[in-house]
C-alpha atoms as a PDB file:
ATOM      1  CA  MET A   1      31.957  85.327 157.352  1.00  0.00           C
ATOM      2  CA  TRP A   2      30.206  85.308 153.981  1.00  0.00           C
ATOM      3  CA  ARG A   3      31.781  87.340 151.188  1.00  0.00           C
ATOM      4  CA  CYS A   4      29.830  88.459 148.148  1.00  0.00           C
ATOM      5  CA  THR A   5      30.847  86.845 144.833  1.00  0.00           C
ATOM      6  CA  GLY A   6      28.795  89.133 142.565  1.00  0.00           C
ATOM      7  CA  VAL A   7      25.745  88.437 140.405  1.00  0.00           C
ATOM      8  CA  SER A   8      25.097  84.996 138.946  1.00  0.00           C
ATOM      9  CA  TRP A   9      22.597  84.009 136.250  1.00  0.00           C
ATOM     10  CA  SER A  10      22.082  80.277 136.646  1.00  0.00           C
ATOM     11  CA  GLY A  11      18.382  80.703 135.826  1.00  0.00           C
ATOM     12  CA  SER A  12      15.899  83.381 134.835  1.00  0.00           C
ATOM     13  CA  VAL A  13      16.199  85.217 138.181  1.00  0.00           C
ATOM     14  CA  PRO A  14      19.551  86.851 138.981  1.00  0.00           C
ATOM     15  CA  ALA A  15      21.076  86.373 142.406  1.00  0.00           C
ATOM     16  CA  LEU A  16      23.906  87.650 144.536  1.00  0.00           C
ATOM     17  CA  GLY A  17      26.351  84.870 145.302  1.00  0.00           C
ATOM     18  CA  TRP A  18      28.115  84.321 148.614  1.00  0.00           C
ATOM     19  CA  TYR A  19      31.160  82.274 149.616  1.00  0.00           C
ATOM     20  CA  GLY A  20      31.573  81.299 153.255  1.00  0.00           C
ATOM     21  CA  GLY A  21      35.037  79.767 153.091  1.00  0.00           C
ATOM     22  CA  PRO A  22      36.161  76.128 153.430  1.00  0.00           C
ATOM     23  CA  GLY A  23      33.480  73.905 154.876  1.00  0.00           C
ATOM     24  CA  ARG A  24      30.692  76.460 154.424  1.00  0.00           C
ATOM     25  CA  GLY A  25      30.341  76.422 150.643  1.00  0.00           C
ATOM     26  CA  GLU A  26      28.221  78.866 148.653  1.00  0.00           C
ATOM     27  CA  ARG A  27      24.718  80.271 148.643  1.00  0.00           C
ATOM     28  CA  ARG A  28      22.587  82.616 146.535  1.00  0.00           C
ATOM     29  CA  SER A  29      20.203  85.498 147.304  1.00  0.00           C
ATOM     30  CA  PRO A  30      17.626  86.110 144.511  1.00  0.00           C
ATOM     31  CA  LEU A  31      17.321  89.682 143.182  1.00  0.00           C
ATOM     32  CA  PRO A  32      13.775  90.198 141.858  1.00  0.00           C
ATOM     33  CA  GLY A  33      12.720  93.615 140.594  1.00  0.00           C
ATOM     34  CA  GLY A  34      11.153  95.817 143.280  1.00  0.00           C
ATOM     35  CA  LEU A  35      13.333  94.415 146.060  1.00  0.00           C
ATOM     36  CA  ALA A  36      14.353  96.944 148.741  1.00  0.00           C
ATOM     37  CA  LEU A  37      18.087  96.747 149.419  1.00  0.00           C
ATOM     38  CA  ALA A  38      20.068  98.429 152.201  1.00  0.00           C
ATOM     39  CA  PHE A  39      23.581  97.181 152.912  1.00  0.00           C
ATOM     40  CA  ALA A  40      26.969  98.413 154.056  1.00  0.00           C
ATOM     41  CA  ALA A  41      30.486  97.183 153.297  1.00  0.00           C
ATOM     42  CA  GLU A  42      32.374  95.859 156.303  1.00  0.00           C
ATOM     43  CA  GLY A  43      36.127  95.610 156.757  1.00  0.00           C
ATOM     44  CA  GLU A  44      38.246  95.321 153.615  1.00  0.00           C
ATOM     45  CA  ARG A  45      37.685  93.801 150.199  1.00  0.00           C
ATOM     46  CA  ARG A  46      39.491  90.459 150.092  1.00  0.00           C
ATOM     47  CA  CYS A  47      40.524  88.040 147.339  1.00  0.00           C
ATOM     48  CA  LEU A  48      38.007  85.255 146.709  1.00  0.00           C
ATOM     49  CA  GLY A  49      40.647  82.804 145.513  1.00  0.00           C
ATOM     50  CA  VAL A  50      40.073  80.526 142.515  1.00  0.00           C
ATOM     51  CA  ARG A  51      36.833  78.838 141.509  1.00  0.00           C
ATOM     52  CA  ARG A  52      37.281  75.862 139.194  1.00  0.00           C
ATOM     53  CA  GLY A  53      35.050  72.896 138.456  1.00  0.00           C
ATOM     54  CA  GLY A  54      32.411  74.206 140.833  1.00  0.00           C
ATOM     55  CA  ARG A  55      34.849  74.322 143.769  1.00  0.00           C
ATOM     56  CA  HIS A  56      36.576  77.205 145.520  1.00  0.00           C
ATOM     57  CA  THR A  57      40.251  77.244 146.426  1.00  0.00           C
ATOM     58  CA  PRO A  58      40.715  80.034 149.006  1.00  0.00           C
ATOM     59  CA  CYS A  59      43.394  82.663 148.557  1.00  0.00           C
ATOM     60  CA  PRO A  60      46.275  81.494 150.802  1.00  0.00           C
ATOM     61  CA  THR A  61      46.919  85.033 152.085  1.00  0.00           C
ATOM     62  CA  ALA A  62      43.359  86.455 151.942  1.00  0.00           C
ATOM     63  CA  ALA A  63      44.978  89.348 150.087  1.00  0.00           C
ATOM     64  CA  GLU A  64      43.307  92.758 150.009  1.00  0.00           C
ATOM     65  CA  VAL A  65      41.890  93.797 146.617  1.00  0.00           C
ATOM     66  CA  ALA A  66      41.523  97.349 145.284  1.00  0.00           C
ATOM     67  CA  ALA A  67      37.990  98.725 145.672  1.00  0.00           C
ATOM     68  CA  ARG A  68      37.623  99.686 141.993  1.00  0.00           C
ATOM     69  CA  ALA A  69      39.141  96.517 140.513  1.00  0.00           C
ATOM     70  CA  GLY A  70      36.814  94.634 138.183  1.00  0.00           C
ATOM     71  CA  SER A  71      37.824  91.278 139.678  1.00  0.00           C
ATOM     72  CA  ALA A  72      37.940  90.153 143.288  1.00  0.00           C
ATOM     73  CA  GLN A  73      41.212  88.294 142.788  1.00  0.00           C
ATOM     74  CA  CYS A  74      44.732  89.161 143.805  1.00  0.00           C
ATOM     75  CA  ALA A  75      47.479  88.957 141.176  1.00  0.00           C
ATOM     76  CA  GLU A  76      48.639  85.508 142.275  1.00  0.00           C
ATOM     77  CA  CYS A  77      45.158  83.951 142.229  1.00  0.00           C
ATOM     78  CA  ALA A  78      44.380  85.588 138.875  1.00  0.00           C
ATOM     79  CA  ARG A  79      47.590  84.105 137.470  1.00  0.00           C
ATOM     80  CA  LEU A  80      46.644  80.654 138.783  1.00  0.00           C
ATOM     81  CA  ASP A  81      43.129  81.020 137.369  1.00  0.00           C
ATOM     82  CA  ARG A  82      44.453  81.843 133.903  1.00  0.00           C
ATOM     83  CA  SER A  83      46.943  78.976 133.952  1.00  0.00           C
ATOM     84  CA  PHE A  84      44.123  76.522 133.148  1.00  0.00           C
ATOM     85  CA  SER A  85      41.493  78.602 131.386  1.00  0.00           C
ATOM     86  CA  VAL A  86      39.554  78.377 128.142  1.00  0.00           C
ATOM     87  CA  ALA A  87      39.318  82.170 128.027  1.00  0.00           C
ATOM     88  CA  ALA A  88      43.104  82.487 128.275  1.00  0.00           C
ATOM     89  CA  ASP A  89      43.693  79.652 125.754  1.00  0.00           C
ATOM     90  CA  THR A  90      45.503  77.578 128.392  1.00  0.00           C
ATOM     91  CA  ASN A  91      42.999  74.705 128.398  1.00  0.00           C
ATOM     92  CA  ALA A  92      42.785  73.681 124.751  1.00  0.00           C
ATOM     93  CA  ALA A  93      42.015  70.050 125.662  1.00  0.00           C
ATOM     94  CA  ASP A  94      38.572  70.815 127.154  1.00  0.00           C
ATOM     95  CA  PRO A  95      36.372  67.983 125.742  1.00  0.00           C
ATOM     96  CA  ARG A  96      33.036  69.769 126.130  1.00  0.00           C
ATOM     97  CA  THR A  97      30.885  71.006 123.245  1.00  0.00           C
ATOM     98  CA  TYR A  98      31.055  74.767 122.746  1.00  0.00           C
ATOM     99  CA  ARG A  99      28.777  77.264 121.061  1.00  0.00           C
ATOM    100  CA  VAL A 100      29.708  80.393 119.138  1.00  0.00           C
ATOM    101  CA  TYR A 101      27.344  83.314 119.728  1.00  0.00           C
ATOM    102  CA  LEU A 102      26.619  86.875 118.643  1.00  0.00           C
ATOM    103  CA  ALA A 103      25.710  89.177 121.555  1.00  0.00           C
ATOM    104  CA  TRP A 104      23.908  92.484 120.865  1.00  0.00           C
ATOM    105  CA  PHE A 105      24.146  95.356 123.374  1.00  0.00           C
ATOM    106  CA  GLY A 106      23.063  98.342 121.287  1.00  0.00           C
ATOM    107  CA  PRO A 107      23.097  99.652 117.697  1.00  0.00           C
ATOM    108  CA  GLY A 108      26.461  98.768 116.171  1.00  0.00           C
ATOM    109  CA  MET A 109      27.509  97.044 119.419  1.00  0.00           C
ATOM    110  CA  VAL A 110      27.690  93.334 118.640  1.00  0.00           C
ATOM    111  CA  LYS A 111      30.408  90.978 119.863  1.00  0.00           C
ATOM    112  CA  VAL A 112      31.305  87.382 119.117  1.00  0.00           C
ATOM    113  CA  GLY A 113      32.175  84.863 121.785  1.00  0.00           C
ATOM    114  CA  ILE A 114      32.077  81.214 122.811  1.00  0.00           C
ATOM    115  CA  THR A 115      30.525  79.419 125.765  1.00  0.00           C
ATOM    116  CA  ALA A 116      30.216  75.823 126.900  1.00  0.00           C
ATOM    117  CA  GLU A 117      26.955  74.411 125.545  1.00  0.00           C
ATOM    118  CA  GLU A 118      26.019  73.018 128.969  1.00  0.00           C
ATOM    119  CA  ARG A 119      25.812  76.596 130.323  1.00  0.00           C
ATOM    120  CA  GLY A 120      23.047  77.565 127.897  1.00  0.00           C
ATOM    121  CA  PRO A 121      22.463  81.350 127.736  1.00  0.00           C
ATOM    122  CA  ALA A 122      23.977  82.057 131.183  1.00  0.00           C
ATOM    123  CA  ARG A 123      27.095  83.664 129.684  1.00  0.00           C
ATOM    124  CA  LEU A 124      24.945  86.013 127.577  1.00  0.00           C
ATOM    125  CA  ARG A 125      22.983  87.075 130.644  1.00  0.00           C
ATOM    126  CA  GLU A 126      26.141  87.616 132.682  1.00  0.00           C
ATOM    127  CA  GLN A 127      27.419  90.029 130.030  1.00  0.00           C
ATOM    128  CA  GLY A 128      24.134  91.943 129.812  1.00  0.00           C
ATOM    129  CA  ALA A 129      23.379  90.999 126.187  1.00  0.00           C
ATOM    130  CA  VAL A 130      20.026  92.549 125.295  1.00  0.00           C
ATOM    131  CA  ALA A 131      19.704  90.165 122.349  1.00  0.00           C
ATOM    132  CA  TYR A 132      21.737  87.271 121.022  1.00  0.00           C
ATOM    133  CA  GLY A 133      21.874  84.510 118.437  1.00  0.00           C
ATOM    134  CA  TRP A 134      23.736  81.201 118.177  1.00  0.00           C
ATOM    135  CA  LEU A 135      26.092  80.695 115.216  1.00  0.00           C
ATOM    136  CA  GLY A 136      27.397  77.157 115.603  1.00  0.00           C
ATOM    137  CA  ARG A 137      28.340  74.307 117.925  1.00  0.00           C
ATOM    138  CA  GLY A 138      31.267  71.916 118.081  1.00  0.00           C
ATOM    139  CA  PRO A 139      34.662  71.219 119.687  1.00  0.00           C
ATOM    140  CA  LEU A 140      36.451  73.987 121.559  1.00  0.00           C
ATOM    141  CA  MET A 141      39.182  74.676 119.020  1.00  0.00           C
ATOM    142  CA  ALA A 142      36.719  74.738 116.105  1.00  0.00           C
ATOM    143  CA  ALA A 143      34.598  77.248 118.010  1.00  0.00           C
ATOM    144  CA  ARG A 144      37.684  79.333 118.806  1.00  0.00           C
ATOM    145  CA  ARG A 145      38.816  79.358 115.141  1.00  0.00           C
ATOM    146  CA  THR A 146      35.359  80.509 114.045  1.00  0.00           C
ATOM    147  CA  GLU A 147      35.396  83.274 116.655  1.00  0.00           C
ATOM    148  CA  GLU A 148      38.742  84.479 115.302  1.00  0.00           C
ATOM    149  CA  LEU A 149      37.461  84.244 111.705  1.00  0.00           C
ATOM    150  CA  LEU A 150      34.604  86.626 112.462  1.00  0.00           C
ATOM    151  CA  ARG A 151      36.884  89.100 114.184  1.00  0.00           C
ATOM    152  CA  ALA A 152      39.300  89.136 111.253  1.00  0.00           C
ATOM    153  CA  ALA A 153      36.829  89.028 108.339  1.00  0.00           C
ATOM    154  CA  LEU A 154      33.942  91.120 109.685  1.00  0.00           C
ATOM    155  CA  GLY A 155      35.624  93.240 112.343  1.00  0.00           C
ATOM    156  CA  VAL A 156      33.334  91.891 115.077  1.00  0.00           C
ATOM    157  CA  PRO A 157      34.999  92.514 118.479  1.00  0.00           C
ATOM    158  CA  ASP A 158      35.243  89.977 121.292  1.00  0.00           C
ATOM    159  CA  ARG A 159      34.800  92.608 124.007  1.00  0.00           C
ATOM    160  CA  ILE A 160      32.601  95.670 124.591  1.00  0.00           C
ATOM    161  CA  PRO A 161      33.197  97.870 127.672  1.00  0.00           C
ATOM    162  CA  TYR A 162      30.461  97.801 130.300  1.00  0.00           C
ATOM    163  CA  ALA A 163      30.396 101.606 130.315  1.00  0.00           C
ATOM    164  CA  HIS A 164      29.250 101.553 126.679  1.00  0.00           C
ATOM    165  CA  LYS A 165      26.557  98.981 127.431  1.00  0.00           C
ATOM    166  CA  ARG A 166      25.138 101.111 130.271  1.00  0.00           C
ATOM    167  CA  ALA A 167      25.143 104.262 128.160  1.00  0.00           C
ATOM    168  CA  VAL A 168      22.682 102.862 125.602  1.00  0.00           C
ATOM    169  CA  ARG A 169      20.295 100.781 127.730  1.00  0.00           C
ATOM    170  CA  ALA A 170      17.818 103.637 128.149  1.00  0.00           C
ATOM    171  CA  VAL A 171      17.659 104.504 124.423  1.00  0.00           C
ATOM    172  CA  LEU A 172      17.433 101.138 122.689  1.00  0.00           C
ATOM    173  CA  PRO A 173      15.597 100.754 119.355  1.00  0.00           C
ATOM    174  CA  PRO A 174      12.487  98.526 119.202  1.00  0.00           C
ATOM    175  CA  TRP A 175      12.827  94.741 119.052  1.00  0.00           C
ATOM    176  CA  PRO A 176      12.468  94.351 115.244  1.00  0.00           C
ATOM    177  CA  GLU A 177      15.528  96.542 114.712  1.00  0.00           C
ATOM    178  CA  ARG A 178      17.541  94.681 117.336  1.00  0.00           C
ATOM    179  CA  ALA A 179      16.622  91.304 115.874  1.00  0.00           C
ATOM    180  CA  ALA A 180      17.367  92.464 112.325  1.00  0.00           C
ATOM    181  CA  GLU A 181      20.927  93.456 113.242  1.00  0.00           C
ATOM    182  CA  VAL A 182      21.601  90.078 114.897  1.00  0.00           C
ATOM    183  CA  LEU A 183      20.129  88.120 111.960  1.00  0.00           C
ATOM    184  CA  GLU A 184      21.943  90.186 109.331  1.00  0.00           C
ATOM    185  CA  LEU A 185      25.295  89.544 110.987  1.00  0.00           C
ATOM    186  CA  HIS A 186      24.370  85.879 111.437  1.00  0.00           C
ATOM    187  CA  ALA A 187      23.792  85.536 107.678  1.00  0.00           C
ATOM    188  CA  ARG A 188      27.063  87.300 106.841  1.00  0.00           C
ATOM    189  CA  SER A 189      28.933  85.086 109.280  1.00  0.00           C
ATOM    190  CA  LEU A 190      27.608  81.818 107.853  1.00  0.00           C
ATOM    191  CA  ALA A 191      28.486  82.983 104.321  1.00  0.00           C
ATOM    192  CA  LEU A 192      32.175  83.366 105.176  1.00  0.00           C
ATOM    193  CA  PRO A 193      34.606  80.816 103.730  1.00  0.00           C
ATOM    194  CA  GLY A 194      36.960  79.138 106.151  1.00  0.00           C
ATOM    195  CA  TRP A 195      34.530  77.759 108.739  1.00  0.00           C
ATOM    196  CA  ALA A 196      35.930  74.796 110.653  1.00  0.00           C
ATOM    197  CA  GLU A 197      34.463  71.576 109.230  1.00  0.00           C
ATOM    198  CA  SER A 198      33.750  70.209 112.699  1.00  0.00           C
ATOM    199  CA  LEU A 199      31.608  73.219 113.668  1.00  0.00           C
ATOM    200  CA  GLU A 200      27.905  72.654 113.022  1.00  0.00           C
ATOM    201  CA  PRO A 201      26.171  75.857 111.803  1.00  0.00           C
ATOM    202  CA  LEU A 202      22.991  76.742 113.687  1.00  0.00           C
ATOM    203  CA  PRO A 203      19.920  78.419 112.159  1.00  0.00           C
ATOM    204  CA  GLY A 204      19.463  82.149 112.559  1.00  0.00           C
ATOM    205  CA  GLU A 205      17.267  83.068 115.516  1.00  0.00           C
ATOM    206  CA  ALA A 206      17.412  86.218 117.633  1.00  0.00           C
ATOM    207  CA  VAL A 207      16.558  85.904 121.334  1.00  0.00           C
ATOM    208  CA  ASP A 208      15.358  88.890 123.398  1.00  0.00           C
ATOM    209  CA  HIS A 209      16.455  89.574 126.986  1.00  0.00           C
ATOM    210  CA  SER A 210      14.631  92.881 127.492  1.00  0.00           C
ATOM    211  CA  ALA A 211      11.836  91.335 129.579  1.00  0.00           C
ATOM    212  CA  LEU A 212      14.299  89.215 131.558  1.00  0.00           C
ATOM    213  CA  PHE A 213      16.319  92.320 132.484  1.00  0.00           C
ATOM    214  CA  GLY A 214      13.174  94.385 133.050  1.00  0.00           C
ATOM    215  CA  LEU A 215      14.414  97.055 130.647  1.00  0.00           C
ATOM    216  CA  ASP A 216      10.946  98.589 130.405  1.00  0.00           C
ATOM    217  CA  ARG A 217      11.131  99.300 134.163  1.00  0.00           C
ATOM    218  CA  LEU A 218      14.656 100.694 134.304  1.00  0.00           C
ATOM    219  CA  PRO A 219      15.027 104.437 134.949  1.00  0.00           C
ATOM    220  CA  VAL A 220      17.544 106.424 132.952  1.00  0.00           C
ATOM    221  CA  PRO A 221      20.906 105.603 134.599  1.00  0.00           C
ATOM    222  CA  ARG A 222      22.376 108.793 136.068  1.00  0.00           C
ATOM    223  CA  ALA A 223      25.263 107.657 138.272  1.00  0.00           C
ATOM    224  CA  VAL A 224      27.419 104.571 138.721  1.00  0.00           C
ATOM    225  CA  ALA A 225      28.972 103.507 142.018  1.00  0.00           C
ATOM    226  CA  GLU A 226      32.741 103.804 141.719  1.00  0.00           C
ATOM    227  CA  GLY A 227      33.589 101.120 144.271  1.00  0.00           C
ATOM    228  CA  LEU A 228      32.872 100.469 147.919  1.00  0.00           C
ATOM    229  CA  THR A 229      34.961 101.458 150.891  1.00  0.00           C
ATOM    230  CA  GLY A 230      34.619 100.131 154.424  1.00  0.00           C
ATOM    231  CA  GLY A 231      31.390 101.491 155.918  1.00  0.00           C
ATOM    232  CA  ALA A 232      29.958 102.715 152.589  1.00  0.00           C
ATOM    233  CA  VAL A 233      26.175 102.282 152.316  1.00  0.00           C
ATOM    234  CA  ILE A 234      23.910 101.532 149.356  1.00  0.00           C
ATOM    235  CA  ARG A 235      20.153 101.872 149.865  1.00  0.00           C
ATOM    236  CA  GLY A 236      17.335 101.840 147.355  1.00  0.00           C
ATOM    237  CA  GLU A 237      14.684  99.934 145.444  1.00  0.00           C
ATOM    238  CA  LEU A 238      16.038  97.532 142.846  1.00  0.00           C
ATOM    239  CA  ALA A 239      14.437  98.258 139.466  1.00  0.00           C
ATOM    240  CA  GLY A 240      16.170  95.457 137.560  1.00  0.00           C
ATOM    241  CA  VAL A 241      19.412  93.620 136.863  1.00  0.00           C
ATOM    242  CA  ALA A 242      21.169  93.622 133.478  1.00  0.00           C
ATOM    243  CA  GLY A 243      24.294  91.500 133.347  1.00  0.00           C
ATOM    244  CA  PRO A 244      26.283  92.376 136.484  1.00  0.00           C
ATOM    245  CA  ASP A 245      24.615  95.792 136.856  1.00  0.00           C
ATOM    246  CA  LEU A 246      22.100  96.483 139.625  1.00  0.00           C
ATOM    247  CA  HIS A 247      19.793  99.309 138.464  1.00  0.00           C
ATOM    248  CA  PHE A 248      18.091 101.223 141.279  1.00  0.00           C
ATOM    249  CA  ALA A 249      14.892 103.248 140.995  1.00  0.00           C
ATOM    250  CA  ASP A 250      16.743 106.514 141.694  1.00  0.00           C
ATOM    251  CA  GLY A 251      19.025 106.036 138.671  1.00  0.00           C
ATOM    252  CA  LEU A 252      22.036 104.631 140.558  1.00  0.00           C
ATOM    253  CA  VAL A 253      23.818 101.715 138.869  1.00  0.00           C
ATOM    254  CA  VAL A 254      25.979  99.350 140.926  1.00  0.00           C
ATOM    255  CA  ASP A 255      28.360  97.020 139.108  1.00  0.00           C
ATOM    256  CA  ALA A 256      28.111  93.875 141.230  1.00  0.00           C
ATOM    257  CA  ARG A 257      31.572  92.783 140.122  1.00  0.00           C
ATOM    258  CA  ARG A 258      32.795  95.464 142.527  1.00  0.00           C
ATOM    259  CA  LEU A 259      30.667  94.044 145.346  1.00  0.00           C
ATOM    260  CA  ALA A 260      32.566  90.771 145.050  1.00  0.00           C
ATOM    261  CA  GLY A 261      35.095  90.236 147.828  1.00  0.00           C
ATOM    262  CA  TRP A 262      33.222  92.375 150.377  1.00  0.00           C
ATOM    263  CA  VAL A 263      31.391  91.299 153.509  1.00  0.00           C
ATOM    264  CA  LEU A 264      28.018  93.054 153.176  1.00  0.00           C
ATOM    265  CA  VAL A 265      25.917  93.678 156.283  1.00  0.00           C
ATOM    266  CA  ALA A 266      22.532  95.293 156.884  1.00  0.00           C
ATOM    267  CA  ALA A 267      22.751  99.087 156.774  1.00  0.00           C
ATOM    268  CA  PRO A 268      21.650 101.121 159.803  1.00  0.00           C
ATOM    269  CA  PRO A 269      17.908 101.941 159.558  1.00  0.00           C
ATOM    270  CA  ALA A 270      18.362 105.669 158.880  1.00  0.00           C
ATOM    271  CA  ALA A 271      21.531 105.437 156.757  1.00  0.00           C
ATOM    272  CA  ALA A 272      21.358 106.902 153.248  1.00  0.00           C
ATOM    273  CA  THR A 273      23.546 105.929 150.286  1.00  0.00           C
ATOM    274  CA  THR A 274      27.105 107.111 150.862  1.00  0.00           C
ATOM    275  CA  VAL A 275      29.053 105.250 148.152  1.00  0.00           C
ATOM    276  CA  SER A 276      31.062 107.532 145.863  1.00  0.00           C
ATOM    277  CA  MET A 277      29.547 107.911 142.384  1.00  0.00           C
ATOM    278  CA  SER A 278      30.417 109.186 138.918  1.00  0.00           C
ATOM    279  CA  PRO A 279      28.007 110.293 136.154  1.00  0.00           C
ATOM    280  CA  VAL A 280      26.923 107.764 133.529  1.00  0.00           C
ATOM    281  CA  PRO A 281      27.837 109.199 130.104  1.00  0.00           C
ATOM    282  CA  GLY A 282      25.112 109.557 127.506  1.00  0.00           C
ATOM    283  CA  PRO A 283      24.893 107.250 124.476  1.00  0.00           C
ATOM    284  CA  PRO A 284      27.602 107.801 121.841  1.00  0.00           C
ATOM    285  CA  GLY A 285      26.591 110.366 119.257  1.00  0.00           C
ATOM    286  CA  GLY A 286      23.241 111.206 120.746  1.00  0.00           C
ATOM    287  CA  ARG A 287      21.266 112.744 123.586  1.00  0.00           C
ATOM    288  CA  ARG A 288      19.936 110.541 126.366  1.00  0.00           C
ATOM    289  CA  GLU A 289      16.148 110.396 126.401  1.00  0.00           C
ATOM    290  CA  ALA A 290      13.528 108.551 128.392  1.00  0.00           C
ATOM    291  CA  GLN A 291      13.235 104.904 127.386  1.00  0.00           C
ATOM    292  CA  GLU A 292      10.185 103.997 125.344  1.00  0.00           C
ATOM    293  CA  GLY A 293       9.030 101.840 122.472  1.00  0.00           C
ATOM    294  CA  LEU A 294      10.841  98.693 123.509  1.00  0.00           C
ATOM    295  CA  PHE A 295       8.071  96.339 122.445  1.00  0.00           C
END
């Protein structure tokens, strides 16, 4: 019984991940644009346990997880996960080299974060960053102190809600404006006093993900799936994938984090989409329009 683990970005093509339990390991199903998808949720959504160091530890009780939860972990497994986590500041001794980054999602929507250097840009792709730039590289705690410096001195957040990211994807400004905002904040960041001496500053360079996400092909998002229930069906043509979001040609957006923990089976041939949906709000302070002028 293979359970979905959500979208992964280990390369330039996104994929749905699957976990088959002890002895069966993991596998991936690529998600190229134009792919026809038709699947149904089977049974209940179950906890995926803890993944650490490339290995899965199954949930001892296979606990049921709420359909709309953003994580496919029960409370106990989430607590165990955070007990030895860089994100939760419970693994300060991690010896790897880390990078500090700026991730751009829309005008005025830039966050700061850190990621292990060995992961490259995978973390930026997982978050749906339309553009990004590296700030520096060095030991974990130096990277963490620099992240906190930017939040305190420049008011750069470390988190942007996915709902806000979706709302602006169809009305993004052209690339020169996106790059300019990343580079301007990069320059302001490097000019701040108080940088950790062990963090090596990196030159300003903005990287574009619009082609990778297929943003020029994405329709205006009109509805987002609220969460699967047993027997719920999703059918449609995949227009593109941005972060964890599957964008369908009919305007439906499916957050693949909410697919995680489900057993997904082929939908009946004549079955239409039955998942419950809610409208996608328009961009803050403006009217949603057709996407154009990205390049």
